[in-house]
Amino acid sequence: MDTADSPRTTPAPPPAAAIGPAAPPMPAASLRLLRAAGFVSNFDRFCITPMLLLIGSRLGVPLTTVMLAASGYFLAYGLMQPVWGLASDRLGRVRVMRISLTGAAVAALCSVIAPGATVLIVARVAAGAFFAASIAASITYVGDTVPAAVRQRPLSELMTAFALGTAVATVVAGALAHYISWRLVFALPGLIAAYLVVALRRLPEPPRAAPGALLAPFKVVLSSRWQWYVMAVAMLEGAVLLGFLTYIAPALEAQGASATLAGAVSALYGVGSMAAAQMVKRLVGRWTPVRLIVVGGAQMAVAFGFAAASRSVPALVGCALLLGGGWSFMHSTIQSWATTLAPAARATGVAMFGVALYVGSALASAFAAGPAEHHAYRGMFLTAAVLTVPLTVAAAVGRARYRS
């Protein structure tokens, strides 16, 4: 997230209240680089989804084995969040992004040349560990440089880029895997990551407080009861949305659809998210955070209801679009909330939020692999619809009671 190569410590940034809502917006060039970093992270994370069955057939392994590459990726992505957050608070945002993207490029290459399932799983886990820094770092960068009162607007811009990465990944992955090779799909994020290692040198490092004891940020973050509450909400959100989202493409392929069609339908999640993100940008300040959360939760519940009722193309198209809308309305609101909880250790706080989100995702996707293997998609999606209710209630009630 930062680009300074000097270890020199700069003064701590003034509080958002002192900056005021009239502070100049983030430079467009900086926002573009942050969006690119988030884009490639989501591209890499979601590109395997429409290729699960195809990779399994090419490598001669069952779906449950290939799912280890996806669930292992999510788990590593989540567990590495505090490591990168701590490094970011000590070394700088951009420097950590460049280091992590270097490792991600190497892991992507290893994914390309993997001779079998074991090497592929290890390479994907490593890729998840390295790509884990990009999204949290870009969000923290916005938290460092944009006042809280208007922070959700650039965060919505980031969410749009993240959604675009998801959409492009699922479309491109399905088509390339079907017509050329699934190995080429893993090469694309590796090349983009290598480019960003160089390009991020142009991103200015935001001021940050002098680092104290190594584990001091964790003490600051974990002493907040609201941090724990938001992490619990994030874990449930990751399980409900990201964990079950992984199975839209396999559910469609189980009905006889091609990997290309399954990828295209899954990509509509990104389309729905991008469209909804533009709405959220206009609604910030006009709607309360609670209202945004409830509208997002309602979209998610209806989405999974469609998928539980039918695994036809129209039903899953509606499911993907509504899940994208629900993500933009609910997640961007909860994410903005998370950036306010521990300003003195913001990167670590955002990282712990990410831990909860992606661990929840990994657990849910692993739990659902068994039913998916037996094509028990109706019960799986019905479970997700039911879990959306406590998720929405917990997020809305907590946000209504929170006072910064």
Protein backbone atom coordinates (compact mmCIF):
# COMPACT_ATOMS: atom_id res chain seq x y z
CA MET A 1 0.00 0.00 0.00
CA ASP A 2 2.89 2.31 0.47
CA THR A 3 5.73 2.95 -1.81
CA ALA A 4 8.36 4.62 0.29
CA ASP A 5 11.61 2.74 0.23
CA SER A 6 13.02 4.64 3.19
CA PRO A 7 12.58 3.13 6.66
CA ARG A 8 12.12 6.64 8.04
CA THR A 9 9.04 7.03 10.22
CA THR A 10 6.68 9.87 9.44
CA PRO A 11 4.36 11.64 11.86
CA ALA A 12 1.00 10.06 12.61
CA PRO A 13 -1.86 11.30 10.45
CA PRO A 14 -4.34 13.71 12.00
CA PRO A 15 -7.65 12.20 13.06
CA ALA A 16 -10.40 12.12 10.47
CA ALA A 17 -12.43 14.61 12.46
CA ALA A 18 -9.62 17.13 12.18
CA ILE A 19 -9.44 16.70 8.45
CA GLY A 20 -13.12 17.29 7.96
CA PRO A 21 -15.41 16.25 5.14
CA ALA A 22 -14.02 19.03 2.93
CA ALA A 23 -10.63 17.29 2.65
CA PRO A 24 -9.47 16.84 -0.95
CA PRO A 25 -10.40 13.50 -2.51
CA MET A 26 -7.85 10.76 -3.03
CA PRO A 27 -5.84 11.36 -6.23
CA ALA A 28 -7.27 9.42 -9.15
CA ALA A 29 -3.89 7.85 -9.96
CA SER A 30 -3.54 6.49 -6.43
CA LEU A 31 -7.06 5.09 -6.48
CA ARG A 32 -6.39 3.40 -9.84
CA LEU A 33 -3.35 1.59 -8.45
CA LEU A 34 -5.26 0.46 -5.38
CA ARG A 35 -8.11 -0.74 -7.57
CA ALA A 36 -5.65 -2.67 -9.76
CA ALA A 37 -4.13 -4.39 -6.73
CA GLY A 38 -7.55 -5.39 -5.47
CA PHE A 39 -8.64 -6.45 -8.95
CA VAL A 40 -5.77 -8.90 -9.41
CA SER A 41 -6.24 -10.30 -5.91
CA ASN A 42 -9.88 -11.10 -6.56
CA PHE A 43 -9.12 -12.37 -10.06
CA ASP A 44 -6.69 -14.89 -8.64
CA ARG A 45 -9.00 -15.87 -5.80
CA PHE A 46 -12.06 -16.54 -7.95
CA CYS A 47 -10.54 -17.85 -11.18
CA ILE A 48 -10.49 -21.43 -9.93
CA THR A 49 -14.25 -21.54 -9.25
CA PRO A 50 -15.48 -22.31 -12.81
CA MET A 51 -12.54 -24.68 -13.40
CA LEU A 52 -13.00 -27.05 -10.45
CA LEU A 53 -14.60 -29.91 -12.37
CA LEU A 54 -12.36 -29.43 -15.40
CA ILE A 55 -9.14 -29.43 -13.36
CA GLY A 56 -10.33 -32.52 -11.53
CA SER A 57 -10.92 -34.36 -14.78
CA ARG A 58 -7.58 -33.26 -16.26
CA LEU A 59 -5.62 -34.31 -13.18
CA GLY A 60 -7.70 -37.42 -12.56
CA VAL A 61 -8.87 -36.46 -9.05
CA PRO A 62 -12.37 -35.99 -7.54
CA LEU A 63 -14.02 -32.63 -6.84
CA THR A 64 -13.32 -32.94 -3.12
CA THR A 65 -9.58 -33.04 -3.83
CA VAL A 66 -9.62 -30.05 -6.16
CA MET A 67 -11.71 -28.16 -3.60
CA LEU A 68 -8.71 -28.34 -1.28
CA ALA A 69 -6.99 -25.89 -3.63
CA ALA A 70 -9.91 -23.45 -3.25
CA SER A 71 -10.58 -23.91 0.48
CA GLY A 72 -6.84 -23.99 1.24
CA TYR A 73 -6.45 -20.74 -0.68
CA PHE A 74 -9.26 -19.11 1.34
CA LEU A 75 -7.80 -20.38 4.61
CA ALA A 76 -4.28 -19.12 3.84
CA TYR A 77 -5.76 -15.85 2.61
CA GLY A 78 -7.50 -15.40 5.94
CA LEU A 79 -4.73 -16.59 8.25
CA MET A 80 -2.13 -14.35 6.62
CA GLN A 81 -4.19 -11.20 7.14
CA PRO A 82 -2.75 -10.40 10.61
CA VAL A 83 0.78 -11.14 9.43
CA TRP A 84 0.51 -8.66 6.57
CA GLY A 85 -1.40 -6.20 8.75
CA LEU A 86 1.34 -6.22 11.36
CA ALA A 87 4.00 -5.87 8.67
CA SER A 88 2.05 -3.01 7.10
CA ASP A 89 1.85 -1.09 10.39
CA ARG A 90 5.63 -1.48 10.84
CA LEU A 91 7.05 -1.35 7.31
CA GLY A 92 4.53 0.68 5.35
CA ARG A 93 1.52 -0.05 3.23
CA VAL A 94 3.00 0.10 -0.26
CA ARG A 95 6.20 -1.72 0.63
CA VAL A 96 4.22 -4.65 1.99
CA MET A 97 2.02 -4.72 -1.09
CA ARG A 98 5.07 -4.90 -3.35
CA ILE A 99 6.69 -7.65 -1.29
CA SER A 100 3.52 -9.72 -1.23
CA LEU A 101 2.84 -9.28 -4.93
CA THR A 102 6.36 -10.50 -5.70
CA GLY A 103 5.62 -13.72 -3.84
CA ALA A 104 2.21 -13.95 -5.50
CA ALA A 105 3.77 -13.79 -8.96
CA VAL A 106 6.08 -16.69 -8.09
CA ALA A 107 3.21 -18.75 -6.63
CA ALA A 108 1.16 -18.14 -9.77
CA LEU A 109 4.02 -19.48 -11.90
CA CYS A 110 4.17 -22.59 -9.72
CA SER A 111 0.42 -23.05 -10.25
CA VAL A 112 0.96 -22.91 -14.00
CA ILE A 113 3.61 -25.64 -14.05
CA ALA A 114 2.10 -27.88 -11.34
CA PRO A 115 2.42 -31.51 -12.53
CA GLY A 116 -0.30 -32.87 -10.25
CA ALA A 117 -2.93 -32.11 -7.64
CA THR A 118 -0.55 -32.00 -4.68
CA VAL A 119 1.75 -29.37 -6.17
CA LEU A 120 -1.24 -27.40 -7.41
CA ILE A 121 -2.82 -27.33 -3.96
CA VAL A 122 0.44 -26.18 -2.36
CA ALA A 123 0.93 -23.50 -5.02
CA ARG A 124 -2.63 -22.22 -4.61
CA VAL A 125 -2.26 -22.07 -0.84
CA ALA A 126 0.94 -20.05 -1.30
CA ALA A 127 -0.81 -17.76 -3.78
CA GLY A 128 -3.59 -17.17 -1.26
CA ALA A 129 -1.04 -16.34 1.43
CA PHE A 130 0.70 -13.75 -0.76
CA PHE A 131 -2.33 -12.20 -2.46
CA ALA A 132 -3.84 -11.78 1.02
CA ALA A 133 -2.08 -8.44 1.48
CA SER A 134 -3.53 -6.58 -1.49
CA ILE A 135 -7.17 -5.97 -0.61
CA ALA A 136 -6.63 -5.30 3.09
CA ALA A 137 -3.73 -2.98 2.25
CA SER A 138 -5.77 -0.98 -0.25
CA ILE A 139 -8.64 -0.63 2.23
CA THR A 140 -6.25 0.45 4.98
CA TYR A 141 -4.68 2.98 2.62
CA VAL A 142 -8.10 4.55 2.10
CA GLY A 143 -8.64 4.52 5.86
CA ASP A 144 -5.33 6.35 6.33
CA THR A 145 -5.99 9.05 3.75
CA VAL A 146 -9.76 9.67 3.54
CA PRO A 147 -11.97 11.12 6.32
CA ALA A 148 -14.43 8.69 7.90
CA ALA A 149 -17.44 10.78 6.87
CA VAL A 150 -16.80 10.19 3.16
CA ARG A 151 -14.71 7.03 3.32
CA GLN A 152 -17.39 4.68 2.02
CA ARG A 153 -17.34 6.40 -1.38
CA PRO A 154 -13.75 5.44 -2.31
CA LEU A 155 -14.33 2.12 -0.59
CA SER A 156 -17.25 1.58 -2.96
CA GLU A 157 -14.88 2.34 -5.84
CA LEU A 158 -12.57 -0.36 -4.51
CA MET A 159 -15.49 -2.77 -4.15
CA THR A 160 -16.33 -2.11 -7.79
CA ALA A 161 -12.78 -3.06 -8.82
CA PHE A 162 -12.89 -6.13 -6.59
CA ALA A 163 -16.18 -7.16 -8.19
CA LEU A 164 -14.74 -6.57 -11.65
CA GLY A 165 -11.87 -8.89 -10.78
CA THR A 166 -14.38 -11.53 -9.73
CA ALA A 167 -16.46 -11.12 -12.89
CA VAL A 168 -13.52 -11.12 -15.30
CA ALA A 169 -11.95 -14.10 -13.52
CA THR A 170 -15.03 -16.28 -13.80
CA VAL A 171 -15.68 -15.40 -17.45
CA VAL A 172 -12.06 -15.59 -18.61
CA ALA A 173 -11.26 -18.67 -16.55
CA GLY A 174 -14.20 -20.65 -17.87
CA ALA A 175 -13.51 -19.75 -21.50
CA LEU A 176 -9.72 -20.17 -21.41
CA ALA A 177 -9.91 -23.42 -19.47
CA HIS A 178 -12.45 -24.84 -21.90
CA TYR A 179 -10.85 -23.74 -25.16
CA ILE A 180 -7.13 -23.52 -24.32
CA SER A 181 -5.84 -24.60 -20.89
CA TRP A 182 -6.61 -24.01 -17.24
CA ARG A 183 -2.88 -23.40 -16.68
CA LEU A 184 -3.00 -20.22 -18.74
CA VAL A 185 -5.63 -18.83 -16.35
CA PHE A 186 -3.20 -18.90 -13.42
CA ALA A 187 -0.54 -17.15 -15.50
CA LEU A 188 -2.64 -13.99 -15.97
CA PRO A 189 -2.75 -12.81 -12.33
CA GLY A 190 0.92 -13.69 -12.01
CA LEU A 191 1.82 -11.33 -14.86
CA ILE A 192 -0.38 -8.54 -13.48
CA ALA A 193 1.14 -8.98 -10.02
CA ALA A 194 4.64 -8.69 -11.49
CA TYR A 195 3.64 -5.46 -13.27
CA LEU A 196 2.19 -3.98 -10.07
CA VAL A 197 5.40 -4.67 -8.15
CA VAL A 198 6.97 -2.00 -10.39
CA ALA A 199 3.94 0.28 -10.85
CA LEU A 200 3.25 0.64 -7.11
CA ARG A 201 6.50 2.57 -6.71
CA ARG A 202 4.45 5.57 -7.84
CA LEU A 203 1.99 5.27 -4.95
CA PRO A 204 2.89 7.69 -2.12
CA GLU A 205 3.24 6.26 1.34
CA PRO A 206 0.67 7.71 3.79
CA PRO A 207 1.97 9.01 7.13
CA ARG A 208 1.85 6.53 9.98
CA ALA A 209 2.70 6.48 13.66
CA ALA A 210 6.07 5.21 14.82
CA PRO A 211 5.86 1.45 15.47
CA GLY A 212 6.04 0.36 19.08
CA ALA A 213 6.39 -3.14 20.46
CA LEU A 214 5.97 -5.86 17.87
CA LEU A 215 2.62 -7.13 19.13
CA ALA A 216 1.31 -3.80 20.42
CA PRO A 217 -1.18 -3.40 17.50
CA PHE A 218 -2.82 -6.70 18.43
CA LYS A 219 -3.26 -5.50 22.00
CA VAL A 220 -4.92 -2.31 20.76
CA VAL A 221 -7.19 -4.12 18.32
CA LEU A 222 -8.20 -7.09 20.45
CA SER A 223 -8.97 -4.97 23.51
CA SER A 224 -12.01 -3.59 21.70
CA ARG A 225 -15.23 -5.51 22.24
CA TRP A 226 -16.59 -3.99 19.05
CA GLN A 227 -13.65 -5.45 17.12
CA TRP A 228 -14.62 -8.91 18.32
CA TYR A 229 -18.25 -8.29 17.46
CA VAL A 230 -17.48 -7.13 13.93
CA MET A 231 -15.11 -10.06 13.44
CA ALA A 232 -17.90 -12.45 14.41
CA VAL A 233 -20.21 -10.78 11.90
CA ALA A 234 -17.47 -10.97 9.25
CA MET A 235 -16.93 -14.69 9.85
CA LEU A 236 -20.62 -15.38 9.38
CA GLU A 237 -20.71 -13.15 6.30
CA GLY A 238 -17.73 -14.95 4.78
CA ALA A 239 -19.37 -18.31 5.39
CA VAL A 240 -22.79 -17.31 4.07
CA LEU A 241 -21.74 -15.40 0.99
CA LEU A 242 -18.20 -16.29 -0.09
CA GLY A 243 -18.31 -19.90 1.04
CA PHE A 244 -21.50 -20.82 -0.81
CA LEU A 245 -20.84 -18.50 -3.76
CA THR A 246 -18.06 -20.91 -4.80
CA TYR A 247 -20.67 -23.51 -5.74
CA ILE A 248 -22.77 -21.55 -8.22
CA ALA A 249 -20.63 -22.71 -11.16
CA PRO A 250 -20.43 -26.38 -10.07
CA ALA A 251 -24.21 -26.39 -9.45
CA LEU A 252 -24.79 -25.26 -13.01
CA GLU A 253 -22.24 -27.68 -14.45
CA ALA A 254 -23.99 -30.48 -12.58
CA GLN A 255 -27.02 -29.73 -14.77
CA GLY A 256 -24.92 -30.30 -17.89
CA ALA A 257 -23.77 -26.73 -18.57
CA SER A 258 -20.29 -26.11 -19.98
CA ALA A 259 -17.52 -24.53 -17.95
CA THR A 260 -17.81 -21.45 -20.17
CA LEU A 261 -21.51 -20.98 -19.44
CA ALA A 262 -21.01 -21.69 -15.74
CA GLY A 263 -18.24 -19.11 -15.61
CA ALA A 264 -20.38 -16.54 -17.40
CA VAL A 265 -23.25 -17.02 -14.96
CA SER A 266 -20.90 -16.81 -11.97
CA ALA A 267 -19.46 -13.62 -13.43
CA LEU A 268 -22.84 -11.95 -13.06
CA TYR A 269 -22.04 -11.77 -9.35
CA GLY A 270 -19.43 -9.19 -10.29
CA VAL A 271 -21.86 -7.38 -12.59
CA GLY A 272 -24.43 -7.16 -9.81
CA SER A 273 -21.79 -5.96 -7.38
CA MET A 274 -20.51 -3.26 -9.73
CA ALA A 275 -24.00 -1.97 -10.47
CA ALA A 276 -24.94 -1.96 -6.80
CA ALA A 277 -21.67 -0.26 -5.81
CA GLN A 278 -22.61 2.73 -7.96
CA MET A 279 -25.95 2.92 -6.15
CA VAL A 280 -24.27 2.65 -2.75
CA LYS A 281 -21.95 5.57 -3.60
CA ARG A 282 -24.98 7.78 -4.15
CA LEU A 283 -26.84 6.50 -1.10
CA VAL A 284 -24.00 7.02 1.40
CA GLY A 285 -25.06 9.92 3.62
CA ARG A 286 -28.68 9.61 2.53
CA TRP A 287 -29.35 6.13 3.89
CA THR A 288 -28.22 4.99 7.30
CA PRO A 289 -25.66 2.15 7.50
CA VAL A 290 -28.34 -0.03 9.08
CA ARG A 291 -30.64 0.44 6.10
CA LEU A 292 -27.85 -0.43 3.68
CA ILE A 293 -27.12 -3.61 5.64
CA VAL A 294 -30.76 -4.71 5.73
CA VAL A 295 -31.23 -4.12 1.99
CA GLY A 296 -28.07 -6.12 1.30
CA GLY A 297 -29.18 -8.97 3.54
CA ALA A 298 -32.59 -9.11 1.87
CA GLN A 299 -30.96 -9.42 -1.55
CA MET A 300 -28.76 -12.26 -0.34
CA ALA A 301 -31.67 -14.18 1.19
CA VAL A 302 -33.72 -13.93 -2.00
CA ALA A 303 -30.66 -14.92 -4.06
CA PHE A 304 -30.08 -18.15 -2.18
CA GLY A 305 -33.83 -18.80 -2.23
CA PHE A 306 -33.70 -18.74 -6.03
CA ALA A 307 -30.79 -21.20 -6.06
CA ALA A 308 -32.50 -23.52 -3.58
CA ALA A 309 -35.70 -23.55 -5.63
CA SER A 310 -34.01 -24.26 -8.98
CA ARG A 311 -30.53 -24.79 -10.42
CA SER A 312 -31.67 -23.65 -13.86
CA VAL A 313 -29.74 -20.97 -15.73
CA PRO A 314 -32.36 -18.22 -15.08
CA ALA A 315 -32.49 -19.03 -11.36
CA LEU A 316 -28.73 -18.97 -10.96
CA VAL A 317 -28.46 -15.80 -13.04
CA GLY A 318 -30.83 -14.12 -10.59
CA CYS A 319 -28.90 -15.62 -7.67
CA ALA A 320 -25.54 -14.32 -8.91
CA LEU A 321 -26.84 -10.81 -9.62
CA LEU A 322 -28.56 -10.50 -6.25
CA LEU A 323 -25.56 -11.87 -4.35
CA GLY A 324 -23.41 -9.20 -5.99
CA GLY A 325 -25.90 -6.54 -4.97
CA GLY A 326 -26.07 -7.87 -1.44
CA TRP A 327 -22.29 -7.85 -1.18
CA SER A 328 -22.02 -4.20 -2.23
CA PHE A 329 -24.77 -3.03 0.11
CA MET A 330 -23.86 -5.09 3.15
CA HIS A 331 -20.14 -5.76 2.92
CA SER A 332 -18.99 -2.26 1.98
CA THR A 333 -20.96 -0.93 4.97
CA ILE A 334 -19.46 -3.45 7.39
CA GLN A 335 -16.01 -2.90 5.87
CA SER A 336 -16.27 0.87 6.37
CA TRP A 337 -17.34 0.20 9.97
CA ALA A 338 -14.26 -1.98 10.48
CA THR A 339 -11.89 0.84 9.44
CA THR A 340 -13.12 3.02 12.33
CA LEU A 341 -12.61 0.54 15.18
CA ALA A 342 -8.86 0.91 15.86
CA PRO A 343 -7.40 4.01 14.14
CA ALA A 344 -4.10 3.62 16.03
CA ALA A 345 -3.58 0.15 14.52
CA ARG A 346 -5.81 0.35 11.48
CA ALA A 347 -3.93 -2.13 9.28
CA THR A 348 -3.97 -4.77 11.99
CA GLY A 349 -7.65 -4.12 12.70
CA VAL A 350 -8.60 -4.43 9.04
CA ALA A 351 -6.43 -7.55 8.80
CA MET A 352 -8.20 -9.22 11.72
CA PHE A 353 -11.49 -8.42 10.02
CA GLY A 354 -10.13 -10.19 6.95
CA VAL A 355 -9.06 -13.19 9.02
CA ALA A 356 -12.61 -13.67 10.21
CA LEU A 357 -14.11 -13.13 6.76
CA TYR A 358 -11.92 -15.59 4.90
CA VAL A 359 -11.74 -18.22 7.62
CA GLY A 360 -15.53 -18.25 7.57
CA SER A 361 -15.40 -18.60 3.80
CA ALA A 362 -12.90 -21.45 3.91
CA LEU A 363 -14.84 -23.37 6.55
CA ALA A 364 -18.12 -23.05 4.67
CA SER A 365 -16.65 -24.04 1.31
CA ALA A 366 -14.95 -27.07 2.86
CA PHE A 367 -18.12 -28.06 4.75
CA ALA A 368 -20.18 -27.85 1.55
CA ALA A 369 -17.75 -29.91 -0.57
CA GLY A 370 -19.33 -33.20 0.53
CA PRO A 371 -22.92 -32.26 -0.38
CA ALA A 372 -21.66 -30.75 -3.64
CA GLU A 373 -19.95 -34.03 -4.52
CA HIS A 374 -23.39 -35.69 -4.28
CA HIS A 375 -25.13 -32.79 -6.07
CA ALA A 376 -27.13 -31.92 -2.94
CA TYR A 377 -27.27 -28.28 -3.94
CA ARG A 378 -30.84 -27.59 -2.88
CA GLY A 379 -30.16 -28.19 0.80
CA MET A 380 -26.85 -26.34 0.59
CA PHE A 381 -28.37 -23.16 -0.83
CA LEU A 382 -31.36 -23.39 1.50
CA THR A 383 -28.95 -23.48 4.44
CA ALA A 384 -27.27 -20.35 3.10
CA ALA A 385 -30.64 -18.58 2.79
CA VAL A 386 -31.52 -19.41 6.39
CA LEU A 387 -28.12 -18.26 7.70
CA THR A 388 -28.58 -14.90 5.97
CA VAL A 389 -31.24 -13.98 8.54
CA PRO A 390 -29.04 -14.06 11.69
CA LEU A 391 -26.23 -12.44 9.70
CA THR A 392 -28.40 -9.47 8.74
CA VAL A 393 -29.87 -9.09 12.22
CA ALA A 394 -26.46 -9.23 13.92
CA ALA A 395 -24.90 -6.74 11.51
CA ALA A 396 -27.82 -4.30 11.61
CA VAL A 397 -28.32 -4.38 15.38
CA GLY A 398 -24.61 -4.02 16.07
CA ARG A 399 -24.19 -1.12 13.66
CA ALA A 400 -27.24 0.63 15.13
CA ARG A 401 -25.76 0.41 18.64
CA TYR A 402 -22.20 1.30 17.71
CA ARG A 403 -20.93 4.75 18.60
CA SER A 404 -17.40 5.70 17.50
